[in-house]
Amino acid sequence: MDGVDTNRGNMAWGYLVVRPDSSDLIVKAGRPADVLAPAHLYTYVQQGSCASLGPPAIRATRRVLAYSDTLGFLTVSNTVPGNLDKLRTGPHALTVRSAPADGNKLLYCGDLRLT
């Protein structure tokens, strides 16, 4: 996933592990300069693409407190209930936002390609 706006030039990696009854959404990201510690990252699957984002289809925000690994990357993971077949019906994007205290800024965006 690419960094956007003030976070341009940074990268993140998103993983969506789909299972029949629930799915895991995991994001590993570089620490944005304007996000205060402890970092809170809010993860969404939004309708549309990064070029034209629609409303959230999935809010993966049960856990938002990111933990930092030894290299300084931030990781946040959530399990979302239900079958995600609806994501195959049209374009969707994985987005990561900062906490409301950090301005609720869009930090990362990546278009999902489900097969």
Protein backbone atom coordinates (compact mmCIF):
# COMPACT_ATOMS: atom_id res chain seq x y z
CA MET A 1 0.00 0.00 0.00
CA ASP A 2 1.24 3.48 -0.79
CA GLY A 3 1.46 6.35 1.62
CA VAL A 4 -0.83 9.25 0.72
CA ASP A 5 -0.86 13.00 1.32
CA THR A 6 1.58 13.93 4.12
CA ASN A 7 2.65 10.27 4.33
CA ARG A 8 3.62 10.02 0.64
CA GLY A 9 6.79 7.99 0.08
CA ASN A 10 6.10 5.57 2.93
CA MET A 11 4.87 2.02 2.40
CA ALA A 12 2.63 -0.44 4.19
CA TRP A 13 1.69 -4.04 3.58
CA GLY A 14 -1.84 -5.34 3.95
CA TYR A 15 -2.88 -8.96 4.28
CA LEU A 16 -6.42 -10.24 4.03
CA VAL A 17 -6.79 -13.88 5.08
CA VAL A 18 -10.26 -15.03 4.04
CA ARG A 19 -11.94 -17.98 5.76
CA PRO A 20 -15.53 -19.27 5.45
CA ASP A 21 -16.84 -17.69 8.67
CA SER A 22 -14.41 -14.83 9.39
CA SER A 23 -11.34 -13.13 7.97
CA ASP A 24 -8.16 -11.61 9.35
CA LEU A 25 -7.00 -8.19 8.25
CA ILE A 26 -3.35 -7.47 9.09
CA VAL A 27 -1.46 -4.27 8.31
CA LYS A 28 2.29 -3.71 8.75
CA ALA A 29 3.34 -0.11 8.17
CA GLY A 30 6.18 2.31 8.56
CA ARG A 31 5.59 4.85 11.33
CA PRO A 32 4.16 8.05 9.85
CA ALA A 33 6.00 11.15 11.06
CA ASP A 34 2.87 12.92 12.29
CA VAL A 35 1.37 10.02 14.30
CA LEU A 36 1.95 10.28 18.03
CA ALA A 37 3.04 7.34 20.18
CA PRO A 38 1.44 5.08 21.06
CA ALA A 39 0.28 4.72 17.46
CA HIS A 40 -3.38 3.97 16.79
CA LEU A 41 -4.16 2.80 13.25
CA TYR A 42 -7.73 2.47 11.98
CA THR A 43 -8.17 -0.06 9.18
CA TYR A 44 -11.04 -0.15 6.68
CA VAL A 45 -12.04 -1.90 3.48
CA GLN A 46 -13.75 0.78 1.43
CA GLN A 47 -15.89 0.56 -1.68
CA GLY A 48 -14.22 1.89 -4.81
CA SER A 49 -10.53 2.34 -5.48
CA CYS A 50 -7.80 4.51 -4.02
CA ALA A 51 -8.45 6.96 -6.87
CA SER A 52 -12.14 7.19 -5.92
CA LEU A 53 -12.91 5.98 -2.38
CA GLY A 54 -16.48 5.20 -1.41
CA PRO A 55 -17.94 4.42 2.01
CA PRO A 56 -16.45 1.73 4.25
CA ALA A 57 -17.68 -1.80 3.51
CA ILE A 58 -15.80 -3.20 6.52
CA ARG A 59 -14.58 -1.40 9.63
CA ALA A 60 -11.74 -3.42 11.15
CA THR A 61 -11.39 -1.20 14.19
CA ARG A 62 -11.82 -3.52 17.17
CA ARG A 63 -8.07 -3.31 17.78
CA VAL A 64 -6.40 -0.04 16.83
CA LEU A 65 -3.34 0.10 19.09
CA ALA A 66 -0.43 -0.86 16.86
CA TYR A 67 2.61 -2.63 18.22
CA SER A 68 6.12 -1.91 17.02
CA ASP A 69 8.57 -4.61 15.97
CA THR A 70 12.36 -4.46 16.38
CA LEU A 71 12.72 -2.69 13.01
CA GLY A 72 10.20 0.00 13.96
CA PHE A 73 7.34 -1.18 11.76
CA LEU A 74 3.84 -0.90 13.20
CA THR A 75 1.43 -3.84 13.07
CA VAL A 76 -2.28 -3.96 13.76
CA SER A 77 -4.55 -6.97 13.15
CA ASN A 78 -8.28 -7.56 13.38
CA THR A 79 -10.65 -10.43 12.76
CA VAL A 80 -13.89 -9.52 11.02
CA PRO A 81 -16.90 -11.85 11.14
CA GLY A 82 -18.76 -13.17 8.13
CA ASN A 83 -18.05 -14.16 4.57
CA LEU A 84 -16.26 -11.58 2.46
CA ASP A 85 -17.67 -12.68 -0.91
CA LYS A 86 -19.23 -9.21 -1.22
CA LEU A 87 -15.73 -7.88 -1.87
CA ARG A 88 -15.69 -9.76 -5.17
CA THR A 89 -18.70 -7.83 -6.51
CA GLY A 90 -16.80 -4.65 -7.28
CA PRO A 91 -13.64 -2.68 -6.60
CA HIS A 92 -12.54 -2.20 -3.00
CA ALA A 93 -9.52 -0.61 -1.32
CA LEU A 94 -7.76 -1.25 1.97
CA THR A 95 -7.20 2.02 3.84
CA VAL A 96 -5.39 2.95 7.04
CA ARG A 97 -6.21 6.15 8.91
CA SER A 98 -4.63 7.88 11.87
CA ALA A 99 -6.44 8.26 15.19
CA PRO A 100 -8.90 11.12 15.69
CA ALA A 101 -6.30 12.71 18.02
CA ASP A 102 -3.86 12.68 15.07
CA GLY A 103 -6.39 14.24 12.67
CA ASN A 104 -8.08 11.09 11.28
CA LYS A 105 -5.80 11.40 8.24
CA LEU A 106 -5.71 8.90 5.41
CA LEU A 107 -2.22 7.40 5.74
CA TYR A 108 -2.16 4.41 3.38
CA CYS A 109 -4.31 3.07 0.57
CA GLY A 110 -4.09 -0.06 -1.59
CA ASP A 111 -6.54 -1.44 -4.15
CA LEU A 112 -7.70 -4.99 -3.38
CA ARG A 113 -7.53 -7.60 -6.11
CA LEU A 114 -9.50 -10.66 -5.07
CA THR A 115 -9.57 -13.70 -7.31
